[in-house]
């Protein structure tokens, strides 16, 4: 069942940056009113102002998605501002570099508290509100790393596989109700998430920078393109939304070779750290 955006009210978490900001503007173009959520007040204000310029009502909610009490209270604040909610998009997320032996339990708990528990808290908080609408929809952001599991991404993959599993089960539980559920699996999106990624204390700093630069050079899909794809999926009521040609290839490979895909994809996700001499050579070339 499709979902009509015009005139609805959407909650978007992680709305200040990247896909969240682009989604906010794409929804505003569809005349969907917005409750924007982020901890970064200054950047959230910029996104909200740009959305308001498109002629929709926008409320701003400055909170950390890891704050359980704040998330529990969020529906009341959104209802006070808009009177109703028809769409909840759980977009907030972070990245973490490091393999299992390098990561601390605190690192993994930090990431899960945002990527997974943020989604769970939001869904639990808004489900009673969404049930009040004749048609409503939940959108949870997973990743292509919720389809495959590259080395060095154990914690991130675990959180995104968890979002996928939670969302699929929730969709089945809500079957026959007025609430639809979509899971989004973006491929590489040209955001700064890799550069802003937290890394394990033992993870090589040079390798982290090289991985982030490699990601930035190679990805092609923009946040605006990703947002347009997600919005079209919401309008269709699609249960799974794949973003980018890379996501479609990865989805196909994960089905065709659920174990052997890593032999084919390894070279795209693992790089050998450059030596000091190589880094100096790169610096010399870039300065000429």
C-alpha atoms as a PDB file:
ATOM      1  CA  UNK A   1       0.000   0.000   0.000  1.00  0.00           C
ATOM      2  CA  UNK A   2       1.414   3.378  -1.005  1.00  0.00           C
ATOM      3  CA  UNK A   3       1.706   6.385   1.256  1.00  0.00           C
ATOM      4  CA  UNK A   4       0.595   9.920   0.398  1.00  0.00           C
ATOM      5  CA  UNK A   5       3.149  12.480   1.548  1.00  0.00           C
ATOM      6  CA  UNK A   6       1.367  15.735   0.756  1.00  0.00           C
ATOM      7  CA  UNK A   7      -0.209  17.158   3.888  1.00  0.00           C
ATOM      8  CA  UNK A   8       1.258  14.468   6.150  1.00  0.00           C
ATOM      9  CA  UNK A   9       3.670  15.070   9.050  1.00  0.00           C
ATOM     10  CA  UNK A  10       7.044  13.311   9.040  1.00  0.00           C
ATOM     11  CA  UNK A  11       9.518  12.866  11.878  1.00  0.00           C
ATOM     12  CA  UNK A  12      13.116  12.660  10.603  1.00  0.00           C
ATOM     13  CA  UNK A  13      15.955  11.768  12.974  1.00  0.00           C
ATOM     14  CA  UNK A  14      19.520  12.718  12.097  1.00  0.00           C
ATOM     15  CA  UNK A  15      18.047  15.553  10.037  1.00  0.00           C
ATOM     16  CA  UNK A  16      20.960  17.970  10.272  1.00  0.00           C
ATOM     17  CA  UNK A  17      23.379  16.280   7.876  1.00  0.00           C
ATOM     18  CA  UNK A  18      23.736  14.020   4.846  1.00  0.00           C
ATOM     19  CA  UNK A  19      20.788  11.852   3.871  1.00  0.00           C
ATOM     20  CA  UNK A  20      18.667  13.231   6.726  1.00  0.00           C
ATOM     21  CA  UNK A  21      19.016  16.829   5.547  1.00  0.00           C
ATOM     22  CA  UNK A  22      18.396  15.849   1.921  1.00  0.00           C
ATOM     23  CA  UNK A  23      15.340  13.818   2.956  1.00  0.00           C
ATOM     24  CA  UNK A  24      13.943  16.786   4.852  1.00  0.00           C
ATOM     25  CA  UNK A  25      14.124  18.983   1.761  1.00  0.00           C
ATOM     26  CA  UNK A  26      12.741  16.270  -0.553  1.00  0.00           C
ATOM     27  CA  UNK A  27       9.778  15.746   1.777  1.00  0.00           C
ATOM     28  CA  UNK A  28       9.200  19.499   1.963  1.00  0.00           C
ATOM     29  CA  UNK A  29       9.065  19.619  -1.837  1.00  0.00           C
ATOM     30  CA  UNK A  30       6.290  17.005  -1.587  1.00  0.00           C
ATOM     31  CA  UNK A  31       4.462  19.384   0.801  1.00  0.00           C
ATOM     32  CA  UNK A  32       5.003  17.098   3.783  1.00  0.00           C
ATOM     33  CA  UNK A  33       5.274  18.923   7.130  1.00  0.00           C
ATOM     34  CA  UNK A  34       8.305  18.120   9.237  1.00  0.00           C
ATOM     35  CA  UNK A  35       9.441  17.430  12.788  1.00  0.00           C
ATOM     36  CA  UNK A  36      13.226  17.482  12.494  1.00  0.00           C
ATOM     37  CA  UNK A  37      15.380  15.796  15.134  1.00  0.00           C
ATOM     38  CA  UNK A  38      19.119  16.132  15.730  1.00  0.00           C
ATOM     39  CA  UNK A  39      21.599  16.986  18.464  1.00  0.00           C
ATOM     40  CA  UNK A  40      23.465  19.477  16.203  1.00  0.00           C
ATOM     41  CA  UNK A  41      21.325  22.572  16.770  1.00  0.00           C
ATOM     42  CA  UNK A  42      23.140  24.957  14.444  1.00  0.00           C
ATOM     43  CA  UNK A  43      23.080  22.690  11.396  1.00  0.00           C
ATOM     44  CA  UNK A  44      19.547  21.501  12.162  1.00  0.00           C
ATOM     45  CA  UNK A  45      18.427  25.136  12.127  1.00  0.00           C
ATOM     46  CA  UNK A  46      19.894  25.540   8.643  1.00  0.00           C
ATOM     47  CA  UNK A  47      18.047  22.464   7.365  1.00  0.00           C
ATOM     48  CA  UNK A  48      14.810  23.590   9.012  1.00  0.00           C
ATOM     49  CA  UNK A  49      15.040  27.077   7.520  1.00  0.00           C
ATOM     50  CA  UNK A  50      15.615  25.652   4.035  1.00  0.00           C
ATOM     51  CA  UNK A  51      12.598  23.364   4.432  1.00  0.00           C
ATOM     52  CA  UNK A  52      10.392  26.175   5.734  1.00  0.00           C
ATOM     53  CA  UNK A  53      11.282  28.223   2.652  1.00  0.00           C
ATOM     54  CA  UNK A  54       9.519  25.507   0.630  1.00  0.00           C
ATOM     55  CA  UNK A  55       6.238  26.335   2.332  1.00  0.00           C
ATOM     56  CA  UNK A  56       5.761  23.628   4.974  1.00  0.00           C
ATOM     57  CA  UNK A  57       5.450  23.730   8.755  1.00  0.00           C
ATOM     58  CA  UNK A  58       8.665  22.681  10.498  1.00  0.00           C
ATOM     59  CA  UNK A  59       9.339  22.006  14.165  1.00  0.00           C
ATOM     60  CA  UNK A  60      12.851  21.583  15.560  1.00  0.00           C
ATOM     61  CA  UNK A  61      13.664  19.042  18.246  1.00  0.00           C
ATOM     62  CA  UNK A  62      17.179  19.232  19.652  1.00  0.00           C
ATOM     63  CA  UNK A  63      17.926  15.907  21.292  1.00  0.00           C
ATOM     64  CA  UNK A  64      20.353  13.018  21.379  1.00  0.00           C
ATOM     65  CA  UNK A  65      18.776   9.806  20.097  1.00  0.00           C
ATOM     66  CA  UNK A  66      20.641   7.915  22.851  1.00  0.00           C
ATOM     67  CA  UNK A  67      18.659   9.805  25.511  1.00  0.00           C
ATOM     68  CA  UNK A  68      15.875   7.329  26.237  1.00  0.00           C
ATOM     69  CA  UNK A  69      13.776   9.782  28.255  1.00  0.00           C
ATOM     70  CA  UNK A  70      14.019  12.448  25.533  1.00  0.00           C
ATOM     71  CA  UNK A  71      12.942   9.975  22.833  1.00  0.00           C
ATOM     72  CA  UNK A  72      10.028   8.792  24.972  1.00  0.00           C
ATOM     73  CA  UNK A  73       8.886  12.408  25.353  1.00  0.00           C
ATOM     74  CA  UNK A  74       9.380  13.268  21.667  1.00  0.00           C
ATOM     75  CA  UNK A  75       5.924  12.185  20.395  1.00  0.00           C
ATOM     76  CA  UNK A  76       4.253  14.550  22.876  1.00  0.00           C
ATOM     77  CA  UNK A  77       6.391  17.443  21.634  1.00  0.00           C
ATOM     78  CA  UNK A  78       5.687  16.606  17.977  1.00  0.00           C
ATOM     79  CA  UNK A  79       1.936  16.315  18.605  1.00  0.00           C
ATOM     80  CA  UNK A  80       1.988  19.671  20.376  1.00  0.00           C
ATOM     81  CA  UNK A  81       3.613  21.224  17.296  1.00  0.00           C
ATOM     82  CA  UNK A  82       1.670  19.443  14.544  1.00  0.00           C
ATOM     83  CA  UNK A  83      -1.307  17.615  16.027  1.00  0.00           C
ATOM     84  CA  UNK A  84      -0.489  14.318  14.306  1.00  0.00           C
ATOM     85  CA  UNK A  85       2.275  12.127  12.855  1.00  0.00           C
ATOM     86  CA  UNK A  86       1.981   9.963   9.755  1.00  0.00           C
ATOM     87  CA  UNK A  87       5.584   9.093   8.930  1.00  0.00           C
ATOM     88  CA  UNK A  88       8.647   8.315  11.050  1.00  0.00           C
ATOM     89  CA  UNK A  89      12.064   8.061   9.393  1.00  0.00           C
ATOM     90  CA  UNK A  90      14.782   6.676  11.648  1.00  0.00           C
ATOM     91  CA  UNK A  91      17.879   7.924   9.866  1.00  0.00           C
ATOM     92  CA  UNK A  92      20.318   8.851  12.662  1.00  0.00           C
ATOM     93  CA  UNK A  93      23.460   6.729  12.582  1.00  0.00           C
ATOM     94  CA  UNK A  94      27.233   6.663  13.089  1.00  0.00           C
ATOM     95  CA  UNK A  95      30.198   4.631  11.835  1.00  0.00           C
ATOM     96  CA  UNK A  96      33.046   2.900  13.652  1.00  0.00           C
ATOM     97  CA  UNK A  97      36.348   1.610  12.219  1.00  0.00           C
ATOM     98  CA  UNK A  98      38.162  -1.337  13.741  1.00  0.00           C
ATOM     99  CA  UNK A  99      38.093  -5.111  13.893  1.00  0.00           C
ATOM    100  CA  UNK A 100      36.799  -7.175  16.791  1.00  0.00           C
ATOM    101  CA  UNK A 101      40.151  -7.391  18.569  1.00  0.00           C
ATOM    102  CA  UNK A 102      40.761  -3.640  18.244  1.00  0.00           C
ATOM    103  CA  UNK A 103      37.332  -2.488  19.427  1.00  0.00           C
ATOM    104  CA  UNK A 104      36.433  -2.163  23.078  1.00  0.00           C
ATOM    105  CA  UNK A 105      33.049  -3.209  24.414  1.00  0.00           C
ATOM    106  CA  UNK A 106      32.423   0.478  25.122  1.00  0.00           C
ATOM    107  CA  UNK A 107      33.013   1.282  21.421  1.00  0.00           C
ATOM    108  CA  UNK A 108      30.452  -1.307  20.337  1.00  0.00           C
ATOM    109  CA  UNK A 109      27.916  -0.253  22.974  1.00  0.00           C
ATOM    110  CA  UNK A 110      28.263   3.389  21.873  1.00  0.00           C
ATOM    111  CA  UNK A 111      27.513   2.495  18.259  1.00  0.00           C
ATOM    112  CA  UNK A 112      24.606   0.172  19.091  1.00  0.00           C
ATOM    113  CA  UNK A 113      23.053   2.781  21.346  1.00  0.00           C
ATOM    114  CA  UNK A 114      22.691   5.046  18.307  1.00  0.00           C
ATOM    115  CA  UNK A 115      22.331   2.777  15.279  1.00  0.00           C
ATOM    116  CA  UNK A 116      20.091   0.104  16.782  1.00  0.00           C
ATOM    117  CA  UNK A 117      18.596   1.242  20.064  1.00  0.00           C
ATOM    118  CA  UNK A 118      17.848   4.664  18.567  1.00  0.00           C
ATOM    119  CA  UNK A 119      15.643   2.927  15.983  1.00  0.00           C
ATOM    120  CA  UNK A 120      13.980   0.692  18.584  1.00  0.00           C
ATOM    121  CA  UNK A 121      13.276   3.560  20.986  1.00  0.00           C
ATOM    122  CA  UNK A 122      11.793   5.704  18.244  1.00  0.00           C
ATOM    123  CA  UNK A 123       9.567   2.918  16.902  1.00  0.00           C
ATOM    124  CA  UNK A 124       8.312   2.076  20.393  1.00  0.00           C
ATOM    125  CA  UNK A 125       7.640   5.724  21.172  1.00  0.00           C
ATOM    126  CA  UNK A 126       5.755   6.526  17.961  1.00  0.00           C
ATOM    127  CA  UNK A 127       3.775   3.332  17.315  1.00  0.00           C
ATOM    128  CA  UNK A 128       0.810   4.392  19.514  1.00  0.00           C
ATOM    129  CA  UNK A 129       0.729   7.767  17.736  1.00  0.00           C
ATOM    130  CA  UNK A 130       0.932   6.203  14.274  1.00  0.00           C
ATOM    131  CA  UNK A 131      -1.963   3.857  15.083  1.00  0.00           C
ATOM    132  CA  UNK A 132      -4.175   6.947  15.397  1.00  0.00           C
ATOM    133  CA  UNK A 133      -3.807   7.610  11.645  1.00  0.00           C
ATOM    134  CA  UNK A 134      -5.752   5.859   8.850  1.00  0.00           C
ATOM    135  CA  UNK A 135      -2.444   5.393   6.997  1.00  0.00           C
ATOM    136  CA  UNK A 136       1.045   5.626   8.500  1.00  0.00           C
ATOM    137  CA  UNK A 137       4.570   4.494   7.692  1.00  0.00           C
ATOM    138  CA  UNK A 138       7.893   3.749   9.391  1.00  0.00           C
ATOM    139  CA  UNK A 139      11.211   3.935   7.526  1.00  0.00           C
ATOM    140  CA  UNK A 140      14.335   2.482   9.145  1.00  0.00           C
ATOM    141  CA  UNK A 141      17.782   3.103   7.666  1.00  0.00           C
ATOM    142  CA  UNK A 142      19.930  -0.008   7.489  1.00  0.00           C
ATOM    143  CA  UNK A 143      22.802  -0.267   4.976  1.00  0.00           C
ATOM    144  CA  UNK A 144      24.323  -2.550   2.368  1.00  0.00           C
ATOM    145  CA  UNK A 145      26.337  -3.582   5.424  1.00  0.00           C
ATOM    146  CA  UNK A 146      23.043  -5.016   6.636  1.00  0.00           C
ATOM    147  CA  UNK A 147      23.256  -7.363   3.624  1.00  0.00           C
ATOM    148  CA  UNK A 148      26.976  -8.222   3.658  1.00  0.00           C
ATOM    149  CA  UNK A 149      29.642  -8.074   6.357  1.00  0.00           C
ATOM    150  CA  UNK A 150      33.066  -6.714   5.328  1.00  0.00           C
ATOM    151  CA  UNK A 151      36.079  -7.267   7.553  1.00  0.00           C
ATOM    152  CA  UNK A 152      36.783  -4.320   9.840  1.00  0.00           C
ATOM    153  CA  UNK A 153      33.088  -3.416  10.086  1.00  0.00           C
ATOM    154  CA  UNK A 154      31.928  -5.952  12.667  1.00  0.00           C
ATOM    155  CA  UNK A 155      30.147  -3.540  14.996  1.00  0.00           C
ATOM    156  CA  UNK A 156      28.599  -1.435  12.232  1.00  0.00           C
ATOM    157  CA  UNK A 157      27.416  -4.533  10.344  1.00  0.00           C
ATOM    158  CA  UNK A 158      25.979  -6.049  13.500  1.00  0.00           C
ATOM    159  CA  UNK A 159      23.949  -2.896  14.152  1.00  0.00           C
ATOM    160  CA  UNK A 160      22.670  -2.678  10.574  1.00  0.00           C
ATOM    161  CA  UNK A 161      21.810  -6.390  10.391  1.00  0.00           C
ATOM    162  CA  UNK A 162      19.945  -5.834  13.669  1.00  0.00           C
ATOM    163  CA  UNK A 163      17.991  -2.930  12.160  1.00  0.00           C
ATOM    164  CA  UNK A 164      17.119  -5.113   9.183  1.00  0.00           C
ATOM    165  CA  UNK A 165      15.920  -7.990  11.357  1.00  0.00           C
ATOM    166  CA  UNK A 166      13.977  -5.742  13.710  1.00  0.00           C
ATOM    167  CA  UNK A 167      12.311  -3.931  10.798  1.00  0.00           C
ATOM    168  CA  UNK A 168      11.375  -7.133   8.955  1.00  0.00           C
ATOM    169  CA  UNK A 169       9.826  -8.611  12.094  1.00  0.00           C
ATOM    170  CA  UNK A 170       7.984  -5.353  12.825  1.00  0.00           C
ATOM    171  CA  UNK A 171       6.614  -5.337   9.264  1.00  0.00           C
ATOM    172  CA  UNK A 172       5.290  -8.862   9.744  1.00  0.00           C
ATOM    173  CA  UNK A 173       3.746  -7.946  13.095  1.00  0.00           C
ATOM    174  CA  UNK A 174       1.981  -4.942  11.555  1.00  0.00           C
ATOM    175  CA  UNK A 175       0.714  -6.836   8.511  1.00  0.00           C
ATOM    176  CA  UNK A 176      -2.949  -6.026   7.982  1.00  0.00           C
ATOM    177  CA  UNK A 177      -2.724  -2.839  10.041  1.00  0.00           C
ATOM    178  CA  UNK A 178      -2.662   0.768   8.852  1.00  0.00           C
ATOM    179  CA  UNK A 179       1.127   1.018   9.369  1.00  0.00           C
ATOM    180  CA  UNK A 180       3.662   0.072   6.716  1.00  0.00           C
ATOM    181  CA  UNK A 181       7.392  -0.480   7.282  1.00  0.00           C
ATOM    182  CA  UNK A 182      10.271   0.119   4.845  1.00  0.00           C
ATOM    183  CA  UNK A 183      13.901  -0.856   5.369  1.00  0.00           C
ATOM    184  CA  UNK A 184      16.467   1.204   3.436  1.00  0.00           C
ATOM    185  CA  UNK A 185      19.799  -0.229   2.297  1.00  0.00           C
ATOM    186  CA  UNK A 186      21.966   2.571   0.885  1.00  0.00           C
ATOM    187  CA  UNK A 187      25.144   1.736  -0.981  1.00  0.00           C
ATOM    188  CA  UNK A 188      27.944   4.280  -0.959  1.00  0.00           C
ATOM    189  CA  UNK A 189      26.491   7.755  -0.452  1.00  0.00           C
ATOM    190  CA  UNK A 190      28.711  10.818  -0.858  1.00  0.00           C
ATOM    191  CA  UNK A 191      28.523  12.034   2.728  1.00  0.00           C
ATOM    192  CA  UNK A 192      31.296  12.670   5.251  1.00  0.00           C
ATOM    193  CA  UNK A 193      30.318   9.697   7.429  1.00  0.00           C
ATOM    194  CA  UNK A 194      33.624   7.899   6.768  1.00  0.00           C
ATOM    195  CA  UNK A 195      35.672  11.000   7.629  1.00  0.00           C
ATOM    196  CA  UNK A 196      33.640  11.548  10.799  1.00  0.00           C
ATOM    197  CA  UNK A 197      33.750   7.866  11.747  1.00  0.00           C
ATOM    198  CA  UNK A 198      34.982   6.975  15.209  1.00  0.00           C
ATOM    199  CA  UNK A 199      37.868   4.524  15.162  1.00  0.00           C
ATOM    200  CA  UNK A 200      39.205   2.030  17.654  1.00  0.00           C
ATOM    201  CA  UNK A 201      42.151   3.317  19.650  1.00  0.00           C
ATOM    202  CA  UNK A 202      44.362   0.601  18.124  1.00  0.00           C
ATOM    203  CA  UNK A 203      43.217   1.259  14.552  1.00  0.00           C
ATOM    204  CA  UNK A 204      45.965   2.749  12.397  1.00  0.00           C
ATOM    205  CA  UNK A 205      45.281   6.464  11.890  1.00  0.00           C
ATOM    206  CA  UNK A 206      46.839   6.548   8.436  1.00  0.00           C
ATOM    207  CA  UNK A 207      44.758   3.594   7.295  1.00  0.00           C
ATOM    208  CA  UNK A 208      41.606   5.268   8.627  1.00  0.00           C
ATOM    209  CA  UNK A 209      42.366   8.378   6.578  1.00  0.00           C
ATOM    210  CA  UNK A 210      43.103   6.301   3.481  1.00  0.00           C
ATOM    211  CA  UNK A 211      39.854   4.347   3.827  1.00  0.00           C
ATOM    212  CA  UNK A 212      37.862   7.573   4.218  1.00  0.00           C
ATOM    213  CA  UNK A 213      39.549   9.122   1.175  1.00  0.00           C
ATOM    214  CA  UNK A 214      38.965   5.952  -0.875  1.00  0.00           C
ATOM    215  CA  UNK A 215      35.284   5.998   0.054  1.00  0.00           C
ATOM    216  CA  UNK A 216      34.951   9.669  -0.937  1.00  0.00           C
ATOM    217  CA  UNK A 217      36.678   9.146  -4.294  1.00  0.00           C
ATOM    218  CA  UNK A 218      34.722   6.075  -5.325  1.00  0.00           C
ATOM    219  CA  UNK A 219      31.115   6.681  -4.291  1.00  0.00           C
ATOM    220  CA  UNK A 220      28.849   8.342  -6.808  1.00  0.00           C
ATOM    221  CA  UNK A 221      25.361   8.596  -5.281  1.00  0.00           C
ATOM    222  CA  UNK A 222      24.606  11.989  -3.711  1.00  0.00           C
ATOM    223  CA  UNK A 223      22.452  12.507  -0.611  1.00  0.00           C
ATOM    224  CA  UNK A 224      19.853  14.223  -2.832  1.00  0.00           C
ATOM    225  CA  UNK A 225      19.689  11.189  -5.126  1.00  0.00           C
ATOM    226  CA  UNK A 226      19.400   8.884  -2.109  1.00  0.00           C
ATOM    227  CA  UNK A 227      16.613  11.019  -0.660  1.00  0.00           C
ATOM    228  CA  UNK A 228      14.675  10.985  -3.936  1.00  0.00           C
ATOM    229  CA  UNK A 229      14.961   7.185  -4.059  1.00  0.00           C
ATOM    230  CA  UNK A 230      13.747   6.807  -0.464  1.00  0.00           C
ATOM    231  CA  UNK A 231      10.802   9.141  -1.007  1.00  0.00           C
ATOM    232  CA  UNK A 232       9.722   7.265  -4.131  1.00  0.00           C
ATOM    233  CA  UNK A 233       9.938   4.020  -2.149  1.00  0.00           C
ATOM    234  CA  UNK A 234       7.766   5.479   0.610  1.00  0.00           C
ATOM    235  CA  UNK A 235       5.178   6.615  -1.931  1.00  0.00           C
ATOM    236  CA  UNK A 236       5.078   3.068  -3.355  1.00  0.00           C
ATOM    237  CA  UNK A 237       4.984   1.493   0.087  1.00  0.00           C
ATOM    238  CA  UNK A 238       8.074  -0.567  -0.814  1.00  0.00           C
ATOM    239  CA  UNK A 239       9.161  -2.898   2.012  1.00  0.00           C
ATOM    240  CA  UNK A 240      12.825  -2.782   0.919  1.00  0.00           C
ATOM    241  CA  UNK A 241      14.535   0.200  -0.692  1.00  0.00           C
ATOM    242  CA  UNK A 242      17.956  -0.298  -2.295  1.00  0.00           C
ATOM    243  CA  UNK A 243      19.888   2.870  -3.137  1.00  0.00           C
ATOM    244  CA  UNK A 244      22.457   2.886  -5.926  1.00  0.00           C
ATOM    245  CA  UNK A 245      23.741   0.382  -8.450  1.00  0.00           C
ATOM    246  CA  UNK A 246      26.286  -0.855  -5.911  1.00  0.00           C
ATOM    247  CA  UNK A 247      23.478  -1.741  -3.494  1.00  0.00           C
ATOM    248  CA  UNK A 248      21.673  -3.743  -6.172  1.00  0.00           C
ATOM    249  CA  UNK A 249      24.857  -5.642  -7.080  1.00  0.00           C
ATOM    250  CA  UNK A 250      25.626  -6.340  -3.417  1.00  0.00           C
ATOM    251  CA  UNK A 251      22.068  -7.527  -2.786  1.00  0.00           C
ATOM    252  CA  UNK A 252      22.316  -9.883  -5.776  1.00  0.00           C
ATOM    253  CA  UNK A 253      25.715 -11.229  -4.698  1.00  0.00           C
ATOM    254  CA  UNK A 254      24.577 -11.771  -1.112  1.00  0.00           C
ATOM    255  CA  UNK A 255      21.764 -13.975  -2.412  1.00  0.00           C
ATOM    256  CA  UNK A 256      23.800 -15.776  -5.076  1.00  0.00           C
ATOM    257  CA  UNK A 257      26.859 -16.443  -2.894  1.00  0.00           C
ATOM    258  CA  UNK A 258      25.930 -15.873   0.765  1.00  0.00           C
ATOM    259  CA  UNK A 259      29.339 -17.167   1.886  1.00  0.00           C
ATOM    260  CA  UNK A 260      31.567 -16.680  -1.149  1.00  0.00           C
ATOM    261  CA  UNK A 261      30.712 -13.019  -1.872  1.00  0.00           C
ATOM    262  CA  UNK A 262      33.690 -11.879   0.221  1.00  0.00           C
ATOM    263  CA  UNK A 263      36.177 -13.379  -2.226  1.00  0.00           C
ATOM    264  CA  UNK A 264      34.662 -11.157  -4.934  1.00  0.00           C
ATOM    265  CA  UNK A 265      34.223  -7.994  -2.887  1.00  0.00           C
ATOM    266  CA  UNK A 266      37.271  -8.060  -0.608  1.00  0.00           C
ATOM    267  CA  UNK A 267      39.431  -5.860  -2.847  1.00  0.00           C
ATOM    268  CA  UNK A 268      36.845  -3.077  -2.705  1.00  0.00           C
ATOM    269  CA  UNK A 269      36.794  -2.871   1.093  1.00  0.00           C
ATOM    270  CA  UNK A 270      40.348  -3.678   2.238  1.00  0.00           C
ATOM    271  CA  UNK A 271      43.417  -1.576   1.481  1.00  0.00           C
ATOM    272  CA  UNK A 272      47.010  -2.055   2.527  1.00  0.00           C
ATOM    273  CA  UNK A 273      48.213   0.826   4.731  1.00  0.00           C
ATOM    274  CA  UNK A 274      50.727   3.028   2.960  1.00  0.00           C
ATOM    275  CA  UNK A 275      54.232   3.256   4.313  1.00  0.00           C
ATOM    276  CA  UNK A 276      55.699   6.537   5.520  1.00  0.00           C
ATOM    277  CA  UNK A 277      57.730   6.735   2.309  1.00  0.00           C
ATOM    278  CA  UNK A 278      54.616   6.288   0.155  1.00  0.00           C
ATOM    279  CA  UNK A 279      52.763   8.956   2.111  1.00  0.00           C
ATOM    280  CA  UNK A 280      55.668  11.373   1.651  1.00  0.00           C
ATOM    281  CA  UNK A 281      55.715  10.604  -2.089  1.00  0.00           C
ATOM    282  CA  UNK A 282      51.974  11.318  -2.306  1.00  0.00           C
ATOM    283  CA  UNK A 283      52.494  14.600  -0.469  1.00  0.00           C
ATOM    284  CA  UNK A 284      55.315  15.568  -2.828  1.00  0.00           C
ATOM    285  CA  UNK A 285      53.212  14.828  -5.921  1.00  0.00           C
ATOM    286  CA  UNK A 286      50.230  16.773  -4.598  1.00  0.00           C
ATOM    287  CA  UNK A 287      52.397  19.863  -3.981  1.00  0.00           C
ATOM    288  CA  UNK A 288      53.792  20.012  -7.533  1.00  0.00           C
END
